[in-house]
Amino acid sequence: MTVTGFLAVSPATDRGMAPEVAKAVEALESFDIAYETTPMGTILEADDVAELFAAAQAAHEAVDGDRVGTFLKVDDKRTSDAPASAKVESVERELGRKPASDYRDSRTSS
């Protein structure tokens, strides 16, 4: 079984969130999961749904503050052991290219 998730932990703060988000990401190191942080959140991958939920809880609890909002979206694909990357590869095959634009490159080349 492969379980994937999208986790966004957001402390309520008037200053930058990066120090608190870094604490949340660091908390993931204690778990048997793969993760990748993006500008909007962190993608998680685990073999077990309990491990994914425990990692998300630890990330939430690692953040200091009077108020913390956490969003967790889970895809528990119980009939397959294919890694999360297989989903992206399927889209690449359909497109015939990487599923990304060159928008950033076009903005900086002028």
C-alpha atoms as a PDB file:
ATOM      1  CA  MET A   1       0.000   0.000   0.000  1.00  0.00           C
ATOM      2  CA  THR A   2       1.155   3.539  -0.723  1.00  0.00           C
ATOM      3  CA  VAL A   3      -0.233   6.481   1.202  1.00  0.00           C
ATOM      4  CA  THR A   4       0.402   9.995  -0.037  1.00  0.00           C
ATOM      5  CA  GLY A   5      -0.510  13.226   1.628  1.00  0.00           C
ATOM      6  CA  PHE A   6      -0.300  16.959   1.295  1.00  0.00           C
ATOM      7  CA  LEU A   7       0.459  18.765   4.541  1.00  0.00           C
ATOM      8  CA  ALA A   8       0.367  22.507   5.163  1.00  0.00           C
ATOM      9  CA  VAL A   9       1.101  23.754   8.686  1.00  0.00           C
ATOM     10  CA  SER A  10       0.509  27.481   9.156  1.00  0.00           C
ATOM     11  CA  PRO A  11       1.231  29.347  12.372  1.00  0.00           C
ATOM     12  CA  ALA A  12      -0.709  32.534  12.969  1.00  0.00           C
ATOM     13  CA  THR A  13       2.059  35.123  13.074  1.00  0.00           C
ATOM     14  CA  ASP A  14       2.804  38.694  12.062  1.00  0.00           C
ATOM     15  CA  ARG A  15       6.366  37.776  11.098  1.00  0.00           C
ATOM     16  CA  GLY A  16       7.717  35.306   8.571  1.00  0.00           C
ATOM     17  CA  MET A  17       6.488  31.724   8.858  1.00  0.00           C
ATOM     18  CA  ALA A  18       9.719  30.050   7.694  1.00  0.00           C
ATOM     19  CA  PRO A  19      11.209  29.435  11.173  1.00  0.00           C
ATOM     20  CA  GLU A  20       8.056  27.682  12.372  1.00  0.00           C
ATOM     21  CA  VAL A  21       7.527  25.790   9.125  1.00  0.00           C
ATOM     22  CA  ALA A  22      11.136  24.573   9.395  1.00  0.00           C
ATOM     23  CA  LYS A  23      10.280  23.123  12.822  1.00  0.00           C
ATOM     24  CA  ALA A  24       7.349  21.263  11.296  1.00  0.00           C
ATOM     25  CA  VAL A  25       9.509  19.882   8.486  1.00  0.00           C
ATOM     26  CA  GLU A  26      12.251  18.871  10.927  1.00  0.00           C
ATOM     27  CA  ALA A  27       9.688  16.900  12.956  1.00  0.00           C
ATOM     28  CA  LEU A  28       9.076  14.681   9.920  1.00  0.00           C
ATOM     29  CA  GLU A  29      12.620  13.280  10.193  1.00  0.00           C
ATOM     30  CA  SER A  30      11.547  11.032  13.089  1.00  0.00           C
ATOM     31  CA  PHE A  31       9.196   9.037  10.867  1.00  0.00           C
ATOM     32  CA  ASP A  32       9.518   6.406   8.160  1.00  0.00           C
ATOM     33  CA  ILE A  33       8.190   8.658   5.400  1.00  0.00           C
ATOM     34  CA  ALA A  34       9.475  10.391   2.300  1.00  0.00           C
ATOM     35  CA  TYR A  35       8.699  14.079   1.972  1.00  0.00           C
ATOM     36  CA  GLU A  36       9.277  17.055  -0.291  1.00  0.00           C
ATOM     37  CA  THR A  37       8.529  20.621   0.717  1.00  0.00           C
ATOM     38  CA  THR A  38       7.020  22.932  -1.901  1.00  0.00           C
ATOM     39  CA  PRO A  39       6.093  26.629  -1.669  1.00  0.00           C
ATOM     40  CA  MET A  40       2.514  25.664  -0.733  1.00  0.00           C
ATOM     41  CA  GLY A  41       3.089  22.705   1.611  1.00  0.00           C
ATOM     42  CA  THR A  42       4.833  19.384   1.991  1.00  0.00           C
ATOM     43  CA  ILE A  43       4.105  16.210   0.046  1.00  0.00           C
ATOM     44  CA  LEU A  44       4.336  13.072   2.192  1.00  0.00           C
ATOM     45  CA  GLU A  45       4.630   9.413   1.194  1.00  0.00           C
ATOM     46  CA  ALA A  46       4.448   6.418   3.522  1.00  0.00           C
ATOM     47  CA  ASP A  47       3.749   2.698   3.422  1.00  0.00           C
ATOM     48  CA  ASP A  48       1.295   2.972   6.290  1.00  0.00           C
ATOM     49  CA  VAL A  49      -1.522   5.447   6.940  1.00  0.00           C
ATOM     50  CA  ALA A  50      -0.832   5.446  10.699  1.00  0.00           C
ATOM     51  CA  GLU A  51       2.761   6.566  10.074  1.00  0.00           C
ATOM     52  CA  LEU A  52       1.573   9.387   7.824  1.00  0.00           C
ATOM     53  CA  PHE A  53      -0.960  10.606  10.414  1.00  0.00           C
ATOM     54  CA  ALA A  54       1.636  10.398  13.209  1.00  0.00           C
ATOM     55  CA  ALA A  55       4.110  12.429  11.138  1.00  0.00           C
ATOM     56  CA  ALA A  56       1.468  15.066  10.385  1.00  0.00           C
ATOM     57  CA  GLN A  57       0.576  15.291  14.074  1.00  0.00           C
ATOM     58  CA  ALA A  58       4.226  15.709  15.038  1.00  0.00           C
ATOM     59  CA  ALA A  59       4.670  18.460  12.448  1.00  0.00           C
ATOM     60  CA  HIS A  60       1.605  20.268  13.789  1.00  0.00           C
ATOM     61  CA  GLU A  61       2.768  19.984  17.400  1.00  0.00           C
ATOM     62  CA  ALA A  62       6.304  21.165  16.553  1.00  0.00           C
ATOM     63  CA  VAL A  63       5.041  24.640  15.646  1.00  0.00           C
ATOM     64  CA  ASP A  64       4.991  27.251  18.414  1.00  0.00           C
ATOM     65  CA  GLY A  65       2.301  29.862  18.690  1.00  0.00           C
ATOM     66  CA  ASP A  66      -1.074  30.718  20.074  1.00  0.00           C
ATOM     67  CA  ARG A  67      -2.789  29.411  16.961  1.00  0.00           C
ATOM     68  CA  VAL A  68      -1.743  26.904  14.292  1.00  0.00           C
ATOM     69  CA  GLY A  69      -3.776  25.853  11.267  1.00  0.00           C
ATOM     70  CA  THR A  70      -3.016  22.496   9.651  1.00  0.00           C
ATOM     71  CA  PHE A  71      -4.397  21.140   6.401  1.00  0.00           C
ATOM     72  CA  LEU A  72      -3.873  17.451   5.556  1.00  0.00           C
ATOM     73  CA  LYS A  73      -5.122  15.775   2.399  1.00  0.00           C
ATOM     74  CA  VAL A  74      -4.614  11.994   2.220  1.00  0.00           C
ATOM     75  CA  ASP A  75      -4.731   9.545  -0.684  1.00  0.00           C
ATOM     76  CA  ASP A  76      -4.717   6.017   0.750  1.00  0.00           C
ATOM     77  CA  LYS A  77      -4.388   3.841  -2.354  1.00  0.00           C
ATOM     78  CA  ARG A  78      -5.023   0.447  -0.783  1.00  0.00           C
ATOM     79  CA  THR A  79      -4.824  -1.648  -3.946  1.00  0.00           C
ATOM     80  CA  SER A  80      -1.388  -0.562  -5.154  1.00  0.00           C
ATOM     81  CA  ASP A  81       2.200  -0.375  -3.954  1.00  0.00           C
ATOM     82  CA  ALA A  82       3.180   2.055  -6.723  1.00  0.00           C
ATOM     83  CA  PRO A  83       5.118   5.079  -5.449  1.00  0.00           C
ATOM     84  CA  ALA A  84       3.636   8.571  -5.619  1.00  0.00           C
ATOM     85  CA  SER A  85       6.039   9.403  -8.452  1.00  0.00           C
ATOM     86  CA  ALA A  86       4.095   6.964 -10.662  1.00  0.00           C
ATOM     87  CA  LYS A  87       1.176   9.417 -10.657  1.00  0.00           C
ATOM     88  CA  VAL A  88       3.383  12.177 -12.034  1.00  0.00           C
ATOM     89  CA  GLU A  89       4.944   9.808 -14.564  1.00  0.00           C
ATOM     90  CA  SER A  90       1.458   8.910 -15.858  1.00  0.00           C
ATOM     91  CA  VAL A  91       0.699  12.579 -16.485  1.00  0.00           C
ATOM     92  CA  GLU A  92       4.102  13.016 -18.183  1.00  0.00           C
ATOM     93  CA  ARG A  93       3.316  10.132 -20.537  1.00  0.00           C
ATOM     94  CA  GLU A  94      -0.047  11.685 -21.456  1.00  0.00           C
ATOM     95  CA  LEU A  95       1.490  15.118 -22.036  1.00  0.00           C
ATOM     96  CA  GLY A  96       4.626  13.843 -23.734  1.00  0.00           C
ATOM     97  CA  ARG A  97       6.666  16.213 -21.552  1.00  0.00           C
ATOM     98  CA  LYS A  98       7.279  17.240 -17.954  1.00  0.00           C
ATOM     99  CA  PRO A  99       4.119  18.666 -16.348  1.00  0.00           C
ATOM    100  CA  ALA A 100       5.680  22.085 -15.715  1.00  0.00           C
ATOM    101  CA  SER A 101       5.930  25.347 -17.615  1.00  0.00           C
ATOM    102  CA  ASP A 102       8.917  27.488 -18.412  1.00  0.00           C
ATOM    103  CA  TYR A 103       7.122  30.523 -16.931  1.00  0.00           C
ATOM    104  CA  ARG A 104       9.948  31.433 -14.537  1.00  0.00           C
ATOM    105  CA  ASP A 105      12.585  31.115 -17.253  1.00  0.00           C
ATOM    106  CA  SER A 106      10.587  33.322 -19.636  1.00  0.00           C
ATOM    107  CA  ARG A 107      10.249  36.062 -16.991  1.00  0.00           C
ATOM    108  CA  THR A 108      13.980  36.253 -16.286  1.00  0.00           C
ATOM    109  CA  SER A 109      15.224  36.066 -19.878  1.00  0.00           C
ATOM    110  CA  SER A 110      13.995  39.556 -20.892  1.00  0.00           C
END
